[in-house]
Protein backbone atom coordinates (compact mmCIF):
# COMPACT_ATOMS: atom_id res chain seq x y z
CA MET A 1 0.00 0.00 0.00
CA ASP A 2 1.31 3.48 -0.90
CA SER A 3 2.45 5.58 1.97
CA VAL A 4 3.98 8.91 2.87
CA TYR A 5 6.72 8.79 5.46
CA GLY A 6 5.49 5.34 6.31
CA ILE A 7 1.89 6.47 6.90
CA PRO A 8 -0.64 4.78 4.63
CA LEU A 9 -2.37 7.14 2.20
CA LEU A 10 -5.78 5.90 3.33
CA VAL A 11 -5.04 6.97 6.89
CA ILE A 12 -3.87 10.35 5.66
CA LEU A 13 -7.06 10.70 3.62
CA VAL A 14 -9.22 9.83 6.65
CA LEU A 15 -7.36 12.34 8.78
CA LEU A 16 -7.78 15.05 6.14
CA ILE A 17 -11.52 14.36 5.87
CA ALA A 18 -11.88 14.43 9.66
CA ALA A 19 -10.01 17.74 9.82
CA LEU A 20 -12.20 19.15 7.07
CA ILE A 21 -15.35 18.09 8.91
CA LEU A 22 -14.08 19.72 12.11
CA GLU A 23 -13.30 22.91 10.22
CA VAL A 24 -16.74 22.98 8.62
CA ARG A 25 -18.32 22.48 12.04
CA ARG A 26 -16.16 25.23 13.50
CA VAL A 27 -17.16 27.63 10.72
CA LYS A 28 -20.83 26.74 11.10
CA LYS A 29 -20.60 27.21 14.85
CA GLU A 30 -19.01 30.61 14.38
CA GLU A 31 -21.68 31.54 11.85
CA PHE A 32 -24.41 30.38 14.26
CA THR A 33 -22.85 32.35 17.11
CA VAL A 34 -22.72 35.46 14.97
CA SER A 35 -26.28 35.11 13.64
CA HIS A 36 -28.13 33.69 16.66
CA ASP A 37 -28.96 34.83 20.17
CA ARG A 38 -26.86 33.05 22.79
CA LEU A 39 -29.60 32.65 25.40
CA THR A 40 -32.52 31.53 23.22
CA GLY A 41 -30.92 30.08 20.09
CA LEU A 42 -33.18 32.19 17.89
CA TYR A 43 -31.99 34.59 15.23
CA ASN A 44 -30.54 37.76 16.70
CA ARG A 45 -31.86 41.16 15.66
CA GLU A 46 -29.69 41.79 12.60
CA SER A 47 -29.95 38.25 11.25
CA PHE A 48 -33.70 38.09 11.75
CA PHE A 49 -34.20 41.33 9.81
CA ARG A 50 -31.91 40.18 6.99
CA ARG A 51 -33.46 36.70 6.72
CA ALA A 52 -37.03 38.08 6.90
CA GLU A 53 -36.35 40.46 4.00
CA GLU A 54 -34.88 37.60 1.95
CA ILE A 55 -37.97 35.44 2.50
CA ILE A 56 -40.45 38.24 1.78
CA ARG A 57 -38.74 39.39 -1.41
CA LYS A 58 -38.33 35.87 -2.69
CA ASN A 59 -42.14 35.51 -2.75
CA PRO A 60 -43.60 39.04 -2.47
CA GLN A 61 -47.14 37.96 -3.38
CA LYS A 62 -47.58 35.77 -0.32
CA LYS A 63 -49.60 37.35 2.50
CA ARG A 64 -47.68 37.42 5.77
CA TYR A 65 -47.74 38.84 9.28
CA MET A 66 -44.87 40.33 11.20
CA VAL A 67 -45.70 39.38 14.77
CA CYS A 68 -43.93 40.86 17.80
CA THR A 69 -44.27 39.95 21.47
CA ASN A 70 -43.44 41.77 24.65
CA ILE A 71 -43.75 40.83 28.33
CA LYS A 72 -45.34 43.73 30.18
CA ASN A 73 -43.26 45.03 33.09
CA PHE A 74 -40.60 42.37 32.51
CA LYS A 75 -38.02 44.45 34.37
CA LEU A 76 -40.20 44.17 37.46
CA ALA A 77 -40.17 40.37 37.14
CA ASN A 78 -36.37 40.47 36.94
CA ASP A 79 -36.20 42.66 40.04
CA LEU A 80 -38.64 40.49 42.00
CA PHE A 81 -37.44 37.01 41.06
CA GLY A 82 -33.87 37.51 39.87
CA LYS A 83 -32.11 37.49 36.51
CA GLU A 84 -31.80 33.70 36.46
CA MET A 85 -35.59 33.36 36.59
CA GLY A 86 -35.92 36.10 33.97
CA ASP A 87 -33.58 34.19 31.65
CA ARG A 88 -35.64 31.02 32.16
CA VAL A 89 -38.76 32.91 31.14
CA LEU A 90 -37.07 34.22 27.98
CA ALA A 91 -35.68 30.79 27.07
CA ASP A 92 -39.08 29.15 27.51
CA GLN A 93 -40.77 31.89 25.53
CA ALA A 94 -38.34 31.20 22.69
CA LYS A 95 -39.26 27.50 22.80
CA LEU A 96 -42.95 28.34 22.62
CA LEU A 97 -42.37 30.56 19.60
CA ALA A 98 -40.31 27.85 17.92
CA TYR A 99 -43.31 25.51 18.06
CA ALA A 100 -44.61 27.44 15.05
CA ARG A 101 -42.78 25.40 12.42
CA TYR A 102 -44.19 26.39 9.06
CA ASP A 103 -42.61 26.99 5.68
CA ASP A 104 -40.57 30.20 5.72
CA CYS A 105 -41.61 30.92 9.32
CA ILE A 106 -38.71 32.36 11.29
CA HIS A 107 -38.24 33.67 14.82
CA GLY A 108 -35.87 36.14 16.43
CA ARG A 109 -35.04 37.85 19.68
CA ILE A 110 -34.99 41.54 18.86
CA ALA A 111 -33.99 42.95 22.26
CA GLY A 112 -34.48 42.05 25.92
CA ASP A 113 -37.92 40.44 26.22
CA LYS A 114 -38.95 41.52 22.71
CA PHE A 115 -39.32 38.72 20.15
CA ALA A 116 -40.46 38.70 16.54
CA MET A 117 -41.86 36.13 14.13
CA LEU A 118 -42.42 36.22 10.39
CA ILE A 119 -45.33 33.93 9.55
CA ALA A 120 -47.73 33.34 6.67
CA LYS A 121 -51.13 34.90 7.27
CA GLU A 122 -52.87 31.55 6.85
CA ASP A 123 -50.67 29.99 9.54
CA PHE A 124 -51.12 32.65 12.23
CA ASN A 125 -53.52 31.51 14.95
CA PRO A 126 -53.97 34.26 17.57
CA GLN A 127 -55.95 32.00 19.93
CA LEU A 128 -53.16 29.45 19.93
CA ALA A 129 -50.60 32.19 20.45
CA VAL A 130 -52.49 33.41 23.53
CA GLN A 131 -52.73 29.87 24.91
CA ASN A 132 -49.02 29.25 24.41
CA THR A 133 -47.85 32.49 25.96
CA SER A 134 -50.09 31.98 29.00
CA LYS A 135 -48.09 28.83 29.76
CA LEU A 136 -45.18 31.00 30.88
CA GLN A 137 -47.02 31.79 34.10
CA TYR A 138 -46.10 28.41 35.60
CA LEU A 139 -42.52 29.66 35.98
CA ILE A 140 -43.57 32.39 38.41
CA ASN A 141 -44.98 30.71 41.49
CA ASP A 142 -46.47 33.87 42.94
CA THR A 143 -50.19 34.56 43.16
CA ASN A 144 -49.60 38.33 43.44
CA TYR A 145 -47.64 38.63 40.21
CA LYS A 146 -48.81 37.55 36.79
CA LEU A 147 -46.80 37.51 33.60
CA HIS A 148 -48.74 39.33 30.90
CA MET A 149 -47.73 38.83 27.29
CA ALA A 150 -48.66 41.36 24.63
CA ILE A 151 -48.75 40.35 20.96
CA GLY A 152 -48.76 42.82 18.08
CA ALA A 153 -49.40 41.79 14.49
CA TYR A 154 -48.74 43.79 11.32
CA GLU A 155 -50.06 42.49 8.00
CA ILE A 156 -47.29 43.17 5.50
CA THR A 157 -48.57 45.29 2.62
CA ASP A 158 -45.29 46.54 1.13
CA PRO A 159 -42.73 43.77 0.52
CA CYS A 160 -40.04 46.40 -0.08
CA GLU A 161 -40.45 47.86 3.39
CA SER A 162 -37.59 47.14 5.78
CA ALA A 163 -38.14 44.36 8.31
CA GLN A 164 -37.28 46.78 11.10
CA VAL A 165 -40.12 49.10 10.08
CA MET A 166 -42.45 46.10 9.99
CA CYS A 167 -41.44 45.24 13.55
CA ASP A 168 -41.91 48.87 14.57
CA LYS A 169 -45.49 48.75 13.31
CA ALA A 170 -46.19 45.48 15.12
CA ASN A 171 -44.82 47.09 18.27
CA MET A 172 -47.08 50.10 17.75
CA ALA A 173 -49.99 47.67 18.00
CA ILE A 174 -48.57 46.47 21.32
CA GLU A 175 -48.21 50.04 22.57
CA SER A 176 -51.85 50.71 21.71
CA MET A 177 -52.85 48.22 24.43
CA CYS A 178 -50.53 49.70 27.05
CA ASP A 179 -52.05 48.92 30.50
CA ASP A 180 -55.08 47.05 29.15
CA TYR A 181 -54.32 43.62 30.57
CA SER A 182 -57.58 42.17 29.28
CA GLN A 183 -56.30 42.41 25.70
CA VAL A 184 -53.47 40.19 24.49
CA VAL A 185 -53.41 40.57 20.69
CA ALA A 186 -53.63 43.83 18.76
CA TYR A 187 -53.39 44.49 15.02
CA TYR A 188 -51.67 47.48 13.47
CA ASP A 189 -53.63 50.00 11.47
CA GLU A 190 -52.53 53.28 9.91
CA LYS A 191 -54.33 55.38 12.54
CA MET A 192 -51.89 54.07 15.14
CA LEU A 193 -49.02 55.95 13.51
CA GLY A 194 -50.73 59.31 13.94
CA LYS A 195 -51.77 58.42 17.48
CA LEU A 196 -48.25 57.34 18.36
CA VAL A 197 -46.81 60.58 16.98
CA GLN A 198 -49.31 62.52 19.12
CA GLU A 199 -48.34 60.50 22.19
CA LYS A 200 -44.64 61.05 21.58
CA ASN A 201 -45.21 64.80 21.21
CA VAL A 202 -47.22 65.01 24.43
CA LEU A 203 -44.67 63.01 26.40
CA SER A 204 -41.66 64.88 25.01
CA GLU A 205 -43.20 68.25 25.94
CA PHE A 206 -44.77 67.25 29.26
CA ASP A 207 -41.92 67.95 31.69
CA CYS A 208 -41.11 71.30 30.11
CA ALA A 209 -44.80 72.23 30.23
CA LEU A 210 -44.88 71.51 33.96
CA GLU A 211 -41.72 73.52 34.63
CA THR A 212 -42.97 76.53 32.67
CA ASN A 213 -46.51 76.49 34.16
CA GLN A 214 -48.25 75.77 30.88
CA PHE A 215 -50.80 73.67 32.78
CA GLN A 216 -53.37 75.98 34.34
CA MET A 217 -56.14 75.37 36.84
CA TYR A 218 -59.66 76.09 35.66
CA LEU A 219 -62.62 76.01 38.04
CA GLN A 220 -66.09 74.65 37.35
CA PRO A 221 -68.51 76.15 39.89
CA GLN A 222 -70.63 74.03 42.21
CA ILE A 223 -74.00 75.52 43.13
CA THR A 224 -76.20 74.52 46.08
CA ASN A 225 -79.91 73.68 45.68
CA THR A 226 -80.61 77.13 47.16
CA GLY A 227 -78.64 78.84 44.38
CA LYS A 228 -75.48 79.73 46.31
CA LEU A 229 -71.90 79.09 45.29
CA SER A 230 -70.34 76.39 47.47
CA GLY A 231 -67.06 75.86 45.69
CA ALA A 232 -65.59 74.44 42.50
CA GLU A 233 -63.85 71.46 40.95
CA ALA A 234 -60.30 72.06 39.71
CA ILE A 235 -59.92 71.01 36.07
CA VAL A 236 -56.71 71.29 34.09
CA ARG A 237 -56.13 73.03 30.77
CA TRP A 238 -52.84 72.98 28.85
CA HIS A 239 -51.96 76.42 27.49
CA HIS A 240 -49.64 75.21 24.74
CA PRO A 241 -47.36 77.88 23.23
CA THR A 242 -48.16 76.92 19.62
CA LYS A 243 -51.32 74.78 19.74
CA GLY A 244 -53.40 76.99 22.00
CA ILE A 245 -55.55 75.65 24.83
CA LEU A 246 -55.60 71.85 24.93
CA MET A 247 -58.46 70.03 26.64
CA PRO A 248 -57.86 67.10 29.05
CA ALA A 249 -58.99 64.64 26.37
CA ASP A 250 -55.93 65.68 24.33
CA PHE A 251 -53.36 64.60 26.92
CA ILE A 252 -54.68 63.08 30.18
CA GLU A 253 -55.10 59.53 28.86
CA ILE A 254 -51.61 59.60 27.32
CA ILE A 255 -49.98 60.86 30.51
CA GLU A 256 -51.92 58.37 32.61
CA LYS A 257 -51.00 55.41 30.40
CA ARG A 258 -47.32 56.25 30.62
CA GLY A 259 -47.38 56.58 34.41
CA TYR A 260 -46.79 60.35 34.61
CA ILE A 261 -50.24 61.37 35.85
CA TYR A 262 -49.02 61.67 39.43
CA LYS A 263 -46.77 64.57 38.41
CA LEU A 264 -49.67 66.49 36.91
CA ASP A 265 -52.00 65.66 39.81
CA ARG A 266 -49.46 66.85 42.36
CA TYR A 267 -49.02 70.07 40.36
CA MET A 268 -52.78 70.68 40.32
CA TRP A 269 -53.12 69.99 44.05
CA GLU A 270 -50.47 72.64 44.67
CA GLN A 271 -52.37 75.16 42.52
CA ALA A 272 -55.60 74.47 44.40
CA ALA A 273 -53.96 74.73 47.82
CA ALA A 274 -52.30 78.01 46.85
CA LYS A 275 -55.64 79.44 45.69
CA LEU A 276 -57.40 78.40 48.92
CA CYS A 277 -54.61 80.16 50.81
CA ASP A 278 -55.10 83.29 48.69
CA TRP A 279 -58.86 83.27 49.32
CA LYS A 280 -58.31 82.81 53.05
CA LYS A 281 -56.03 85.86 53.16
CA ARG A 282 -58.75 87.84 51.40
CA GLY A 283 -61.38 86.76 53.90
CA ILE A 284 -63.02 84.17 51.66
CA ASP A 285 -63.20 81.10 53.86
CA ASN A 286 -66.47 79.40 52.90
CA LEU A 287 -65.53 77.99 49.48
CA SER A 288 -64.05 74.59 48.75
CA ILE A 289 -61.97 73.31 45.85
CA SER A 290 -62.19 69.66 44.83
CA VAL A 291 -59.15 68.01 43.26
CA ASN A 292 -58.88 64.69 41.49
CA VAL A 293 -56.82 61.71 42.61
CA SER A 294 -55.94 59.10 39.98
CA THR A 295 -55.81 55.42 40.79
CA LYS A 296 -52.06 55.32 40.15
CA ASP A 297 -51.43 58.11 42.65
CA PHE A 298 -51.97 55.56 45.42
CA TYR A 299 -48.90 53.70 44.19
CA TYR A 300 -46.59 56.50 43.08
CA MET A 301 -46.65 58.64 46.21
CA ASP A 302 -47.61 58.87 49.84
CA LEU A 303 -51.01 60.55 49.47
CA TYR A 304 -51.40 61.24 53.18
CA ARG A 305 -48.08 63.04 53.37
CA ALA A 306 -48.70 64.88 50.10
CA PHE A 307 -52.05 66.35 51.13
CA THR A 308 -51.27 67.05 54.77
CA GLY A 309 -48.01 68.65 53.64
CA LEU A 310 -49.92 71.07 51.40
CA VAL A 311 -52.32 71.98 54.21
CA GLU A 312 -49.41 72.77 56.52
CA LYS A 313 -47.45 74.61 53.84
CA TYR A 314 -50.33 76.92 52.90
CA GLU A 315 -52.05 76.96 56.30
CA ILE A 316 -55.47 76.12 54.89
CA ASP A 317 -58.52 74.32 56.27
CA PRO A 318 -58.45 70.68 55.07
CA SER A 319 -62.25 70.58 55.08
CA ARG A 320 -62.13 73.08 52.20
CA PHE A 321 -59.64 70.97 50.24
CA ASN A 322 -61.89 68.19 48.91
CA ILE A 323 -60.34 65.01 47.50
CA GLU A 324 -62.15 63.30 44.60
CA ILE A 325 -61.43 59.62 44.09
CA THR A 326 -62.99 57.74 41.18
CA GLU A 327 -64.82 54.56 42.07
CA THR A 328 -62.48 52.61 39.77
CA ALA A 329 -59.74 53.15 42.36
CA PHE A 330 -61.50 50.64 44.58
CA VAL A 331 -61.42 47.81 42.08
CA GLY A 332 -57.84 46.90 43.00
CA ASP A 333 -56.04 47.09 46.33
CA ILE A 334 -59.04 48.20 48.36
CA GLU A 335 -57.58 47.60 51.84
CA ARG A 336 -54.56 49.76 51.14
CA HIS A 337 -56.70 52.52 49.68
CA LEU A 338 -59.15 52.44 52.58
CA ALA A 339 -56.34 52.92 55.07
CA VAL A 340 -55.18 56.03 53.20
CA ILE A 341 -58.72 57.42 53.02
CA ARG A 342 -59.34 56.84 56.71
CA GLY A 343 -56.18 58.74 57.56
CA LEU A 344 -57.12 61.69 55.35
CA ARG A 345 -60.66 61.89 56.77
CA GLU A 346 -59.35 61.78 60.32
CA TYR A 347 -57.07 64.70 59.44
CA GLY A 348 -60.09 66.72 58.31
CA PHE A 349 -60.33 66.30 54.53
CA HIS A 350 -63.67 65.65 52.86
CA ILE A 351 -63.51 62.64 50.54
CA GLU A 352 -65.69 62.38 47.43
CA ILE A 353 -66.46 59.33 45.32
CA ASP A 354 -66.38 60.72 41.80
CA ASP A 355 -68.29 59.47 38.73
CA PHE A 356 -70.62 57.20 40.68
CA GLY A 357 -72.64 55.15 38.21
CA SER A 358 -70.13 55.43 35.36
CA GLY A 359 -68.92 51.86 35.30
CA TYR A 360 -67.94 50.03 38.48
CA SER A 361 -70.70 51.05 40.90
CA SER A 362 -71.07 48.62 43.75
CA LEU A 363 -73.32 48.64 46.78
CA ASN A 364 -70.69 46.50 48.44
CA MET A 365 -68.19 49.31 47.81
CA LEU A 366 -70.42 51.83 49.56
CA LYS A 367 -70.82 49.40 52.45
CA ASP A 368 -67.07 49.24 53.01
CA ILE A 369 -66.02 52.81 52.26
CA GLU A 370 -66.81 55.75 54.52
CA VAL A 371 -66.69 58.99 52.54
CA ASP A 372 -68.32 62.39 52.82
CA ILE A 373 -69.66 63.14 49.35
CA LEU A 374 -71.13 61.03 46.54
CA LYS A 375 -70.92 62.51 43.05
CA ILE A 376 -73.51 61.21 40.60
CA ASP A 377 -72.58 61.42 36.93
CA MET A 378 -75.49 62.51 34.73
CA ALA A 379 -73.83 60.67 31.83
CA PHE A 380 -75.02 57.53 33.59
CA LEU A 381 -78.59 58.80 33.27
CA GLY A 382 -78.46 60.01 29.69
CA GLU A 383 -79.90 63.21 28.27
CA THR A 384 -83.36 62.66 29.71
CA ILE A 385 -84.77 61.87 33.12
CA THR A 386 -88.33 61.49 31.95
CA THR A 387 -88.64 57.73 32.41
CA GLU A 388 -89.99 56.57 35.74
CA ARG A 389 -87.30 53.88 36.03
CA THR A 390 -84.57 56.51 35.78
CA ARG A 391 -86.27 58.70 38.38
CA ILE A 392 -86.59 55.75 40.76
CA ILE A 393 -82.87 54.98 40.42
CA ILE A 394 -81.85 58.59 41.08
CA ARG A 395 -84.13 58.99 44.09
CA SER A 396 -82.90 55.69 45.52
CA VAL A 397 -79.22 56.57 45.12
CA ILE A 398 -79.70 59.98 46.70
CA ALA A 399 -81.77 58.56 49.57
CA MET A 400 -79.20 55.84 50.18
CA ALA A 401 -76.36 58.40 50.25
CA LYS A 402 -78.26 60.53 52.77
CA GLU A 403 -78.92 57.48 54.98
CA LEU A 404 -75.15 56.84 54.91
CA GLY A 405 -74.49 60.42 56.00
CA MET A 406 -73.16 61.57 52.62
CA GLU A 407 -73.72 64.82 50.78
CA VAL A 408 -74.74 64.45 47.11
CA ILE A 409 -73.31 66.36 44.15
CA THR A 410 -74.65 65.75 40.65
CA GLU A 411 -72.26 66.63 37.82
CA GLY A 412 -73.10 66.98 34.15
CA VAL A 413 -76.27 68.98 34.86
CA ARG A 414 -77.30 70.44 31.52
CA ASN A 415 -80.82 71.83 31.73
CA GLU A 416 -83.55 73.23 33.95
CA GLU A 417 -85.40 69.91 33.95
CA HIS A 418 -82.38 68.24 35.58
CA VAL A 419 -82.20 70.93 38.25
CA ALA A 420 -85.91 70.78 39.10
CA PHE A 421 -86.04 67.02 39.45
CA LEU A 422 -82.72 66.68 41.30
CA THR A 423 -83.74 69.40 43.75
CA GLU A 424 -87.01 67.57 44.44
CA ALA A 425 -85.06 64.30 44.84
CA GLY A 426 -82.82 65.82 47.51
CA CYS A 427 -79.55 66.55 45.65
CA ASP A 428 -77.46 69.07 47.59
CA ILE A 429 -75.12 70.56 44.97
CA PHE A 430 -75.12 70.84 41.16
CA GLN A 431 -72.25 71.05 38.71
CA GLY A 432 -72.52 71.28 34.93
CA PHE A 433 -72.82 73.40 31.82
CA TYR A 434 -76.29 74.59 32.85
CA PHE A 435 -74.52 76.75 35.44
CA ASP A 436 -71.12 77.24 33.84
CA ARG A 437 -68.32 75.50 31.98
CA PRO A 438 -64.85 75.25 33.56
CA ILE A 439 -63.45 78.79 33.48
CA SER A 440 -60.14 80.40 34.37
CA VAL A 441 -59.55 81.38 37.98
CA ALA A 442 -59.70 85.06 37.03
CA GLU A 443 -63.08 84.59 35.30
CA PHE A 444 -64.35 82.56 38.24
CA GLU A 445 -63.44 85.23 40.75
CA ALA A 446 -64.87 88.02 38.61
CA GLN A 447 -68.10 86.18 37.87
CA TYR A 448 -68.82 84.78 41.31
CA GLY A 449 -67.08 87.23 43.61
CA LEU A 450 -70.30 89.00 44.59
CA GLN A 451 -71.89 85.70 45.57
CA ILE A 452 -69.22 84.89 48.12
CA GLU A 453 -70.60 85.34 51.62
């Protein structure tokens, strides 16, 4: 047998083939390392985008979805349960995504807990996706914390669009859900782009607007059933330097969704306290101002310290500084909220339940919560109060509130018919456009100054 330096050629050939195989494996491993995510084994961001564009442009007529996923508040899960548990969640999520094995279906980890999938429209099953993602909860053995997965889907209409833009649009669908934990899947539509731009503008200008006092307190008067002014509700207006006066509907929901509402609320409380102080110095001590407390304020700050601190700072009567809390605040951590409310009432504040009848009304809630004022929302009753059923409901709610020792304010009063019936039914105070819209503090003082006793 032929040989080289005494080594048979066959052995040399086998060794060369083995070395070649090892080199090929090494190259493939390097390529995999470069193109795939180390933790999950899925395509990394750059490789996913590149491969997705190749697949789409190879068959541009095929209808596809770009699907993105995101675990809401994933950073909190990492903080609570540790990075090792967080990595387990991400690895298991990747496995669940990889179950979707269809022709030209690929998966990638885009960043952190954000994943993406390119899938044919006919193969995408949102119900199955929801079922699969809900399986991640078993990893977190904590009844007080739930993993919530959000899924955004964008139906690809332009095959020449970059894969990154497609993912951005799918993520816009996710952002449209924000804190709505009842919704898991959302689909992109063109309106979302304009809405997202509006949200970005509001958020980018918000802090500067606070610092430069662009947010101004307006007052909507509250009139007793004897026709006297009893006080007002503080309502915010944004005096934007280029867009003019913006109404709450233009920015409150955006600020609240992003978790910044506590900053604006605290700012408004300060304005109200300062005005009560000003009135007191001028001898006006029989008017109250009601301010709103958002549900998230209970979590972002110490409400007791915030309100008592304002009373002490401005040396005002807490019984004139009314605190409005929407009934939705009592859907969650009721025990914690009740403790705060009890403390504020004991200090001397009057507590109002705002928007009663607007969505989460509960007799059980009224049984457990001791407050001073019940605000009935006329939107609950509609434009007319002519039906006997409606009249029975109103009379019953007012009578019940009185039996519980509560004063009754009806907001949204729009006509003389409302006033006549509500007066007969026992309502104490009215608020609504029939009397006046929210007006600037200067207008309020000029218009109602002579009525102050």
